[in-house]
Amino acid sequence: MIGCSRENQRQQTCALRLKQLATTFHLYHDNNLKLPTSAFYQDRQNLAQKDVELKTVVPGKTGKMKNSAPYSFLVRLFPYIDLKPPHNDLPFDKNEAFAPENYTLAAKSVPGFLCPSFSGKPTSQAVDYTPPAGVEKPALTNYKALGATTLACLQDFTFVGMPYYNGGVIHPHAAYSFNNLRAITQTALLTETKEQKYAAWWDGTTASIPGFHPGTGNVGDDRMPSPPVAAPALNIEASGTQKSFITHDQFGGKEDMQWGPSSDHPGLVNHAMVGTEVRAISNDIDPVVYSALISRRDDDNRPLEDFIKQNR
């Protein structure tokens, strides 16, 4: 009973941290009239503005090449968080996300970005990150943006502005406003994750993830999660021949991303809605319900031919 009580308390603390993070998006939206993209560069441009595709960027990579790592939206939110913000101390117009002088800040663990039930290590274990001597690898976050329903939608570059693709709220290629959403109380914004390697809070390369597992009917260029063949990725450790959530050849990392939406809470994953409510979503949620929950609008994730027929 004591163990259950402690886990309930940890789950409540996790939910409060997610709610506080979701609230910062509203403060950001008030000042910018839109939500942030999940990734941005030192000139404050997102991936689409830089003509960069998500699947080509490399976690932790620095240099002037187009596949260098962007900053995470969490860095962009720091001015709205009740902490001493490193954001204001960084010359974004000069420094790349993983310039050597930024690693000290990237390695700082932020308590509000961590779930108290998380049993992993506080820093990323990915080989991609090569900090200067004497500096730790980047610190983790247990909270990521739900950028899209499927991996293909998340990585989609060409059709990002069209209404029938991409699904999620915090996308790497486009910034949306509350007006782009069906209803803020019915749209998921953030999810927990227990990913140990590719969850550095500083890195925009992996700051947003899809909600459906790419190994359950969402491979190739499939932009519609087709339940029940496709499955929500909640705490799915292995599925079919794909033993990781996203394999290294599906994104820019050197290793596999093991976990998508996931947690160390028994049987559930906390999600923050755009309206700041936090819902504990069961691992066995109906795929159709979950698809609707993580989509911006009613017409997202429908086959292109259906949308064309309707609008003739």
Protein backbone atom coordinates (compact mmCIF):
# COMPACT_ATOMS: atom_id res chain seq x y z
CA MET A 1 0.00 0.00 0.00
CA ILE A 2 2.86 2.38 0.81
CA GLY A 3 4.38 1.72 -2.61
CA CYS A 4 1.06 2.46 -4.34
CA SER A 5 0.67 5.66 -2.36
CA ARG A 6 4.16 6.82 -3.31
CA GLU A 7 3.56 6.06 -6.99
CA ASN A 8 0.26 7.93 -6.90
CA GLN A 9 2.06 10.93 -5.47
CA ARG A 10 4.76 10.70 -8.12
CA GLN A 11 2.13 10.46 -10.85
CA GLN A 12 0.40 13.56 -9.49
CA THR A 13 3.70 15.45 -9.40
CA CYS A 14 4.35 14.39 -12.99
CA ALA A 15 0.90 15.63 -14.01
CA LEU A 16 1.54 18.96 -12.30
CA ARG A 17 4.84 19.40 -14.14
CA LEU A 18 3.16 18.65 -17.45
CA LYS A 19 0.40 21.14 -16.65
CA GLN A 20 2.97 23.81 -15.79
CA LEU A 21 4.74 23.19 -19.09
CA ALA A 22 1.48 23.34 -21.01
CA THR A 23 0.73 26.68 -19.34
CA THR A 24 3.98 28.14 -20.69
CA PHE A 25 2.73 27.48 -24.22
CA HIS A 26 -0.18 29.81 -23.53
CA LEU A 27 2.19 32.53 -22.34
CA TYR A 28 4.27 32.02 -25.46
CA HIS A 29 1.16 32.14 -27.65
CA ASP A 30 0.00 35.37 -25.98
CA ASN A 31 3.29 37.05 -26.90
CA ASN A 32 3.79 35.52 -30.35
CA LEU A 33 0.21 34.81 -31.52
CA LYS A 34 1.29 31.29 -32.37
CA LEU A 35 2.81 28.21 -30.79
CA PRO A 36 6.51 27.39 -31.23
CA THR A 37 7.76 24.84 -33.69
CA SER A 38 9.46 21.87 -32.06
CA ALA A 39 12.85 22.91 -33.46
CA PHE A 40 14.55 26.18 -34.37
CA TYR A 41 17.99 27.48 -35.31
CA GLN A 42 20.09 30.33 -33.94
CA ASP A 43 18.41 32.80 -36.31
CA ARG A 44 15.06 31.65 -34.83
CA GLN A 45 13.99 30.03 -38.08
CA ASN A 46 12.38 26.59 -38.08
CA LEU A 47 13.31 23.66 -40.29
CA ALA A 48 10.98 24.58 -43.15
CA GLN A 49 12.25 28.17 -43.19
CA LYS A 50 15.80 26.82 -43.47
CA ASP A 51 14.77 24.30 -46.15
CA VAL A 52 15.83 21.45 -43.86
CA GLU A 53 14.03 18.13 -43.43
CA LEU A 54 13.72 16.55 -39.99
CA LYS A 55 15.04 13.15 -41.08
CA THR A 56 18.33 14.73 -42.22
CA VAL A 57 19.27 16.54 -39.01
CA VAL A 58 21.68 14.76 -36.69
CA PRO A 59 21.35 14.87 -32.87
CA GLY A 60 24.14 16.91 -31.31
CA LYS A 61 25.79 17.73 -34.63
CA THR A 62 27.40 21.13 -35.02
CA GLY A 63 28.83 22.92 -38.03
CA LYS A 64 27.44 25.03 -40.84
CA MET A 65 26.04 22.07 -42.76
CA LYS A 66 22.29 21.69 -43.22
CA ASN A 67 22.10 18.59 -41.04
CA SER A 68 23.33 20.32 -37.86
CA ALA A 69 21.10 19.99 -34.79
CA PRO A 70 18.54 22.71 -33.99
CA TYR A 71 17.43 23.91 -30.56
CA SER A 72 14.41 22.34 -28.85
CA PHE A 73 11.16 24.21 -28.23
CA LEU A 74 11.89 23.77 -24.50
CA VAL A 75 14.75 26.25 -24.86
CA ARG A 76 12.31 28.66 -26.51
CA LEU A 77 9.94 28.36 -23.55
CA PHE A 78 12.51 29.19 -20.89
CA PRO A 79 11.60 32.90 -20.61
CA TYR A 80 8.10 31.79 -19.57
CA ILE A 81 9.22 29.25 -16.97
CA ASP A 82 9.63 30.25 -13.34
CA LEU A 83 13.33 29.42 -13.32
CA LYS A 84 16.52 31.36 -13.93
CA PRO A 85 16.48 31.20 -17.74
CA PRO A 86 19.68 30.38 -19.58
CA HIS A 87 17.74 31.37 -22.72
CA ASN A 88 18.42 35.07 -22.17
CA ASP A 89 22.14 34.48 -21.70
CA LEU A 90 22.66 32.83 -25.09
CA PRO A 91 23.65 34.76 -28.21
CA PHE A 92 21.39 32.75 -30.51
CA ASP A 93 22.46 34.80 -33.49
CA LYS A 94 26.01 33.44 -33.08
CA ASN A 95 25.86 30.07 -31.38
CA GLU A 96 24.61 26.83 -32.84
CA ALA A 97 22.65 24.57 -30.51
CA PHE A 98 25.60 22.32 -29.76
CA ALA A 99 28.43 24.78 -30.06
CA PRO A 100 31.03 23.89 -27.39
CA GLU A 101 30.09 26.91 -25.28
CA ASN A 102 26.47 25.71 -25.09
CA TYR A 103 27.17 22.23 -23.75
CA THR A 104 27.43 23.37 -20.13
CA LEU A 105 23.87 24.67 -20.24
CA ALA A 106 22.64 21.68 -22.25
CA ALA A 107 23.99 19.41 -19.51
CA LYS A 108 21.98 21.15 -16.77
CA SER A 109 19.13 19.00 -15.50
CA VAL A 110 15.81 20.85 -15.13
CA PRO A 111 13.58 19.26 -12.44
CA GLY A 112 10.42 20.49 -14.17
CA PHE A 113 11.35 18.48 -17.26
CA LEU A 114 11.55 15.15 -15.42
CA CYS A 115 8.97 12.68 -14.19
CA PRO A 116 9.65 11.60 -10.57
CA SER A 117 8.77 7.99 -11.50
CA PHE A 118 11.46 7.84 -14.21
CA SER A 119 13.94 5.09 -13.36
CA GLY A 120 16.59 5.93 -15.95
CA LYS A 121 19.72 8.05 -15.86
CA PRO A 122 19.45 11.88 -15.87
CA THR A 123 21.63 12.38 -18.95
CA SER A 124 21.46 11.10 -22.51
CA GLN A 125 23.37 7.92 -23.26
CA ALA A 126 23.49 8.48 -27.03
CA VAL A 127 26.89 8.22 -28.71
CA ASP A 128 25.97 11.17 -30.97
CA TYR A 129 26.74 13.71 -28.24
CA THR A 130 30.41 14.60 -27.79
CA PRO A 131 30.68 17.30 -25.11
CA PRO A 132 33.97 19.09 -24.32
CA ALA A 133 36.26 17.50 -21.75
CA GLY A 134 34.88 17.73 -18.23
CA VAL A 135 31.29 18.39 -19.36
CA GLU A 136 28.45 15.87 -19.07
CA LYS A 137 26.33 14.76 -22.00
CA PRO A 138 23.03 16.66 -22.43
CA ALA A 139 20.45 16.30 -19.67
CA LEU A 140 17.20 14.47 -20.40
CA THR A 141 13.57 15.47 -20.49
CA ASN A 142 10.71 13.05 -19.94
CA TYR A 143 8.33 15.36 -21.78
CA LYS A 144 8.14 15.60 -25.56
CA ALA A 145 5.78 17.27 -28.00
CA LEU A 146 3.30 15.15 -29.93
CA GLY A 147 4.35 16.42 -33.33
CA ALA A 148 2.21 14.13 -35.50
CA THR A 149 0.29 10.89 -35.62
CA THR A 150 2.84 8.97 -37.72
CA LEU A 151 6.53 9.24 -38.43
CA ALA A 152 5.82 10.04 -42.07
CA CYS A 153 3.61 12.94 -40.97
CA LEU A 154 6.27 14.19 -38.56
CA GLN A 155 8.95 14.15 -41.22
CA ASP A 156 6.73 15.51 -43.98
CA PHE A 157 8.19 18.66 -45.50
CA THR A 158 6.35 19.20 -48.79
CA PHE A 159 2.79 19.09 -47.48
CA VAL A 160 3.25 20.66 -44.05
CA GLY A 161 0.88 23.55 -44.80
CA MET A 162 -1.95 21.39 -46.07
CA PRO A 163 -4.85 20.51 -43.76
CA TYR A 164 -4.96 16.78 -44.39
CA TYR A 165 -1.42 15.94 -43.31
CA ASN A 166 0.79 16.11 -40.24
CA GLY A 167 -1.78 15.94 -37.48
CA GLY A 168 0.10 17.21 -34.43
CA VAL A 169 0.33 20.61 -32.76
CA ILE A 170 4.07 21.18 -32.21
CA HIS A 171 5.60 20.27 -35.56
CA PRO A 172 9.25 20.80 -36.62
CA HIS A 173 8.30 22.41 -39.93
CA ALA A 174 5.40 24.74 -39.10
CA ALA A 175 4.03 26.90 -36.29
CA TYR A 176 0.31 26.80 -35.56
CA SER A 177 -2.04 28.98 -33.53
CA PHE A 178 -4.99 28.01 -31.36
CA ASN A 179 -7.17 28.88 -34.35
CA ASN A 180 -5.69 25.90 -36.21
CA LEU A 181 -6.99 23.46 -33.61
CA ARG A 182 -10.31 21.65 -33.41
CA ALA A 183 -10.57 22.33 -29.67
CA ILE A 184 -7.79 23.00 -27.19
CA THR A 185 -9.37 20.75 -24.57
CA GLN A 186 -9.54 17.82 -27.02
CA THR A 187 -6.07 18.08 -28.53
CA ALA A 188 -2.94 16.56 -26.99
CA LEU A 189 0.15 18.73 -26.77
CA LEU A 190 2.77 16.87 -24.73
CA THR A 191 3.43 13.28 -23.78
CA GLU A 192 5.72 11.53 -21.37
CA THR A 193 8.59 9.41 -22.62
CA LYS A 194 11.14 7.21 -20.90
CA GLU A 195 13.54 7.35 -23.83
CA GLN A 196 17.09 7.27 -22.48
CA LYS A 197 19.19 8.19 -25.51
CA TYR A 198 17.28 10.60 -27.74
CA ALA A 199 15.48 12.80 -25.24
CA ALA A 200 17.96 15.62 -24.57
CA TRP A 201 15.85 18.64 -23.61
CA TRP A 202 18.22 20.94 -25.52
CA ASP A 203 18.02 19.10 -28.85
CA GLY A 204 15.24 19.96 -31.30
CA THR A 205 16.11 16.97 -33.49
CA THR A 206 14.09 14.62 -31.26
CA ALA A 207 11.90 17.12 -29.37
CA SER A 208 8.69 15.97 -31.04
CA ILE A 209 7.57 12.43 -31.78
CA PRO A 210 4.66 10.64 -33.48
CA GLY A 211 1.96 8.99 -31.43
CA PHE A 212 1.71 5.78 -33.48
CA HIS A 213 4.41 3.13 -33.64
CA PRO A 214 6.16 3.15 -37.05
CA GLY A 215 6.46 -0.65 -36.92
CA THR A 216 2.71 -1.34 -36.79
CA GLY A 217 1.44 -0.31 -40.19
CA ASN A 218 2.95 3.18 -40.44
CA VAL A 219 6.07 2.65 -42.47
CA GLY A 220 7.24 4.17 -45.74
CA ASP A 221 5.16 7.13 -46.81
CA ASP A 222 1.98 6.09 -44.97
CA ARG A 223 0.43 9.27 -43.57
CA MET A 224 -2.68 7.70 -42.10
CA PRO A 225 -2.60 5.47 -39.03
CA SER A 226 -5.16 2.88 -40.32
CA PRO A 227 -6.39 1.30 -37.06
CA PRO A 228 -6.52 -1.47 -35.99
CA VAL A 229 -3.43 -2.50 -37.99
CA ALA A 230 -1.58 0.52 -36.63
CA ALA A 231 -1.12 0.82 -32.88
CA PRO A 232 -0.59 3.75 -30.55
CA ALA A 233 3.00 3.67 -29.34
CA LEU A 234 2.13 3.89 -25.65
CA ASN A 235 4.75 1.80 -23.85
CA ILE A 236 5.33 -0.44 -26.88
CA GLU A 237 8.84 -1.80 -26.46
CA ALA A 238 8.92 -4.05 -29.50
CA SER A 239 6.53 -4.74 -32.35
CA GLY A 240 6.96 -7.28 -35.10
CA THR A 241 10.32 -7.01 -36.81
CA GLN A 242 10.91 -3.46 -35.51
CA LYS A 243 12.31 -3.77 -32.01
CA SER A 244 12.68 -0.04 -31.42
CA PHE A 245 10.25 2.84 -31.59
CA ILE A 246 12.18 4.56 -34.41
CA THR A 247 15.17 2.80 -35.94
CA HIS A 248 18.39 4.70 -36.63
CA ASP A 249 17.87 4.51 -40.38
CA GLN A 250 14.51 6.29 -40.02
CA PHE A 251 16.00 9.44 -38.53
CA GLY A 252 19.38 11.12 -38.20
CA GLY A 253 20.66 9.33 -35.09
CA LYS A 254 23.43 6.77 -34.94
CA GLU A 255 21.39 4.46 -32.68
CA ASP A 256 17.74 3.48 -32.37
CA MET A 257 15.21 5.50 -30.40
CA GLN A 258 13.76 2.87 -28.07
CA TRP A 259 10.66 4.60 -26.69
CA GLY A 260 7.88 6.84 -27.93
CA PRO A 261 5.00 7.92 -25.65
CA SER A 262 5.82 5.96 -22.50
CA SER A 263 6.31 6.16 -18.76
CA ASP A 264 7.24 4.24 -15.63
CA HIS A 265 3.70 4.72 -14.28
CA PRO A 266 1.97 1.32 -14.30
CA GLY A 267 -0.33 0.96 -17.31
CA LEU A 268 -0.59 4.60 -18.37
CA VAL A 269 1.12 7.63 -19.88
CA ASN A 270 0.33 11.19 -18.83
CA HIS A 271 -0.58 13.58 -21.66
CA ALA A 272 -1.04 17.34 -21.44
CA MET A 273 -3.81 18.86 -23.53
CA VAL A 274 -3.39 22.22 -25.24
CA GLY A 275 -5.92 23.58 -22.74
CA THR A 276 -3.42 22.56 -19.96
CA GLU A 277 -5.53 19.66 -18.64
CA VAL A 278 -3.52 16.48 -18.01
CA ARG A 279 -5.00 13.08 -18.82
CA ALA A 280 -3.68 9.71 -17.73
CA ILE A 281 -4.10 7.66 -20.91
CA SER A 282 -4.22 3.89 -20.68
CA ASN A 283 -1.79 1.79 -22.72
CA ASP A 284 -4.74 0.00 -24.34
CA ILE A 285 -6.58 3.11 -25.57
CA ASP A 286 -8.60 2.57 -28.74
CA PRO A 287 -6.41 3.52 -31.74
CA VAL A 288 -9.21 5.53 -33.36
CA VAL A 289 -9.71 7.55 -30.18
CA TYR A 290 -5.98 8.16 -29.78
CA SER A 291 -5.64 9.25 -33.40
CA ALA A 292 -8.38 11.84 -32.89
CA LEU A 293 -6.84 12.99 -29.62
CA ILE A 294 -3.44 13.82 -31.12
CA SER A 295 -4.76 15.45 -34.32
CA ARG A 296 -5.16 19.18 -34.82
CA ARG A 297 -8.40 19.02 -36.77
CA ASP A 298 -11.19 16.65 -37.78
CA ASP A 299 -9.86 16.28 -41.33
CA ASP A 300 -6.30 15.38 -40.38
CA ASN A 301 -4.96 11.91 -41.15
CA ARG A 302 -7.50 11.21 -43.86
CA PRO A 303 -6.43 9.79 -47.22
CA LEU A 304 -5.61 12.51 -49.73
CA GLU A 305 -8.11 11.15 -52.27
CA ASP A 306 -10.96 11.52 -49.75
CA PHE A 307 -10.06 15.14 -49.13
CA ILE A 308 -9.91 15.87 -52.87
CA LYS A 309 -13.32 14.27 -53.48
CA GLN A 310 -14.89 16.29 -50.69
CA ASN A 311 -13.51 19.59 -51.99
CA ARG A 312 -14.31 19.22 -55.68
